[in-house]
Amino acid sequence: MPHVAGAHRGLDIWLIQRASALVLAIGLPAFLIYGASQPVLDYATWRSLFVPLPAKVGGLLCIVAVLVHAWIGLREIFIDYVHHLGLRLLLYFAFGVLYLGCLIWAVDILWGVK
C-alpha cells in the first residue's frame, strides 16, 4: 500500500489540541486559585501577579494554548461546514490575522508589566 502524504495529520492535530487542553486544565485552576486567595482583587493585585517572569511565561503559555485550541477547533468547523474553498481560505486568513494580533497584544501586555 503506498504511503499517502499527510495520512497521519489528523492524529498530530488531535494530539496538539489535547496538549493545549492539558495546559489550560493546569493554568486555569492555578489562575482561579490565585484570584480566590487574594483578599482584594484590584489593579495592584493583578499587576503583582504578572511581575515575575515565570508568571509572564505561564500566562503566555496559556494564551498560546487557547489560540492553538481555538484555531484547531475553527479549522475543523470550516472543513465540515464551509465547502467553498475560496471562502474557507479567506476565513483561515482572517482568523489567523486575528489570532496573531491577539498574541502580539498579549505579549505587549504581559511584558509591559514592570
Protein backbone atom coordinates (compact mmCIF):
# COMPACT_ATOMS: atom_id res chain seq x y z
CA MET A 1 0.00 0.00 0.00
CA PRO A 2 1.54 3.35 -0.97
CA HIS A 3 2.24 5.95 1.67
CA VAL A 4 -0.10 8.92 1.37
CA ALA A 5 1.44 12.25 2.35
CA GLY A 6 -0.27 13.71 5.37
CA ALA A 7 -2.05 10.48 6.26
CA HIS A 8 -1.31 10.92 9.97
CA ARG A 9 -2.03 14.65 10.10
CA GLY A 10 -5.33 14.10 11.92
CA LEU A 11 -3.57 12.34 14.80
CA ASP A 12 -0.99 15.13 15.08
CA ILE A 13 -3.69 17.79 15.24
CA TRP A 14 -5.67 15.74 17.74
CA LEU A 15 -2.60 15.43 19.99
CA ILE A 16 -1.83 19.16 19.75
CA GLN A 17 -5.39 20.02 20.72
CA ARG A 18 -5.27 17.62 23.67
CA ALA A 19 -1.91 19.07 24.78
CA SER A 20 -3.35 22.59 24.64
CA ALA A 21 -6.35 21.41 26.67
CA LEU A 22 -3.95 19.96 29.26
CA VAL A 23 -2.10 23.28 29.53
CA LEU A 24 -5.43 25.03 30.05
CA ALA A 25 -6.57 22.42 32.58
CA ILE A 26 -3.49 23.24 34.66
CA GLY A 27 -3.33 27.00 34.05
CA LEU A 28 -6.96 27.95 34.59
CA PRO A 29 -7.31 26.40 38.08
CA ALA A 30 -3.99 27.97 39.12
CA PHE A 31 -5.23 31.35 37.95
CA LEU A 32 -8.58 30.89 39.72
CA ILE A 33 -6.90 29.75 42.95
CA TYR A 34 -4.70 32.85 42.88
CA GLY A 35 -7.73 35.07 42.40
CA ALA A 36 -9.74 33.33 45.11
CA SER A 37 -6.87 33.50 47.60
CA GLN A 38 -6.49 37.29 47.34
CA PRO A 39 -8.38 39.38 49.91
CA VAL A 40 -8.81 42.23 47.42
CA LEU A 41 -8.89 41.93 43.64
CA ASP A 42 -7.76 45.32 42.47
CA TYR A 43 -5.35 46.57 39.82
CA ALA A 44 -2.32 46.27 42.10
CA THR A 45 -3.14 42.62 42.90
CA TRP A 46 -3.48 41.65 39.22
CA ARG A 47 -0.37 43.62 38.33
CA SER A 48 1.68 41.92 41.05
CA LEU A 49 0.68 38.52 39.64
CA PHE A 50 2.39 39.19 36.32
CA VAL A 51 5.55 40.95 37.51
CA PRO A 52 7.65 37.75 37.94
CA LEU A 53 8.99 36.23 34.71
CA PRO A 54 7.58 32.72 35.41
CA ALA A 55 4.07 34.17 35.71
CA LYS A 56 4.52 36.02 32.42
CA VAL A 57 5.73 32.86 30.69
CA GLY A 58 2.92 30.79 32.22
CA GLY A 59 0.33 33.36 31.23
CA LEU A 60 1.70 33.49 27.69
CA LEU A 61 1.72 29.69 27.51
CA CYS A 62 -1.96 29.64 28.47
CA ILE A 63 -2.78 32.29 25.88
CA VAL A 64 -0.93 30.34 23.18
CA ALA A 65 -2.79 27.20 24.27
CA VAL A 66 -6.15 28.99 23.94
CA LEU A 67 -5.25 30.30 20.49
CA VAL A 68 -3.98 26.92 19.24
CA HIS A 69 -7.02 25.14 20.66
CA ALA A 70 -9.37 27.66 19.06
CA TRP A 71 -7.54 27.53 15.72
CA ILE A 72 -7.83 23.75 15.51
CA GLY A 73 -11.49 23.85 16.50
CA LEU A 74 -12.30 26.52 13.91
CA ARG A 75 -10.31 24.63 11.30
CA GLU A 76 -12.47 21.57 11.83
CA ILE A 77 -15.67 23.63 11.72
CA PHE A 78 -14.58 25.32 8.48
CA ILE A 79 -13.67 21.97 6.90
CA ASP A 80 -17.05 20.50 7.85
CA TYR A 81 -19.32 23.44 7.04
CA VAL A 82 -17.59 25.81 4.60
CA HIS A 83 -17.42 23.93 1.31
CA HIS A 84 -16.33 26.79 -0.95
CA LEU A 85 -12.53 26.67 -0.94
CA GLY A 86 -12.05 30.40 -1.52
CA LEU A 87 -14.31 31.33 1.40
CA ARG A 88 -12.61 28.76 3.62
CA LEU A 89 -9.17 30.18 2.79
CA LEU A 90 -10.44 33.72 3.43
CA LEU A 91 -11.75 32.64 6.84
CA TYR A 92 -8.45 30.92 7.64
CA PHE A 93 -6.59 34.10 6.77
CA ALA A 94 -8.98 36.37 8.71
CA PHE A 95 -8.86 34.28 11.87
CA GLY A 96 -5.11 33.74 11.52
CA VAL A 97 -4.58 37.50 11.44
CA LEU A 98 -6.99 37.96 14.36
CA TYR A 99 -5.25 35.31 16.47
CA LEU A 100 -1.81 36.66 15.60
CA GLY A 101 -2.98 40.13 16.64
CA CYS A 102 -4.27 38.71 19.93
CA LEU A 103 -0.92 37.00 20.55
CA ILE A 104 1.05 40.18 19.85
CA TRP A 105 -1.29 42.18 22.07
CA ALA A 106 -0.93 39.61 24.89
CA VAL A 107 2.87 39.72 24.67
CA ASP A 108 2.76 43.52 24.75
CA ILE A 109 0.51 43.46 27.83
CA LEU A 110 2.44 40.78 29.73
CA TRP A 111 5.88 42.21 29.05
CA GLY A 112 4.63 45.75 29.64
CA VAL A 113 4.06 44.92 33.33
CA LYS A 114 7.06 46.14 35.30
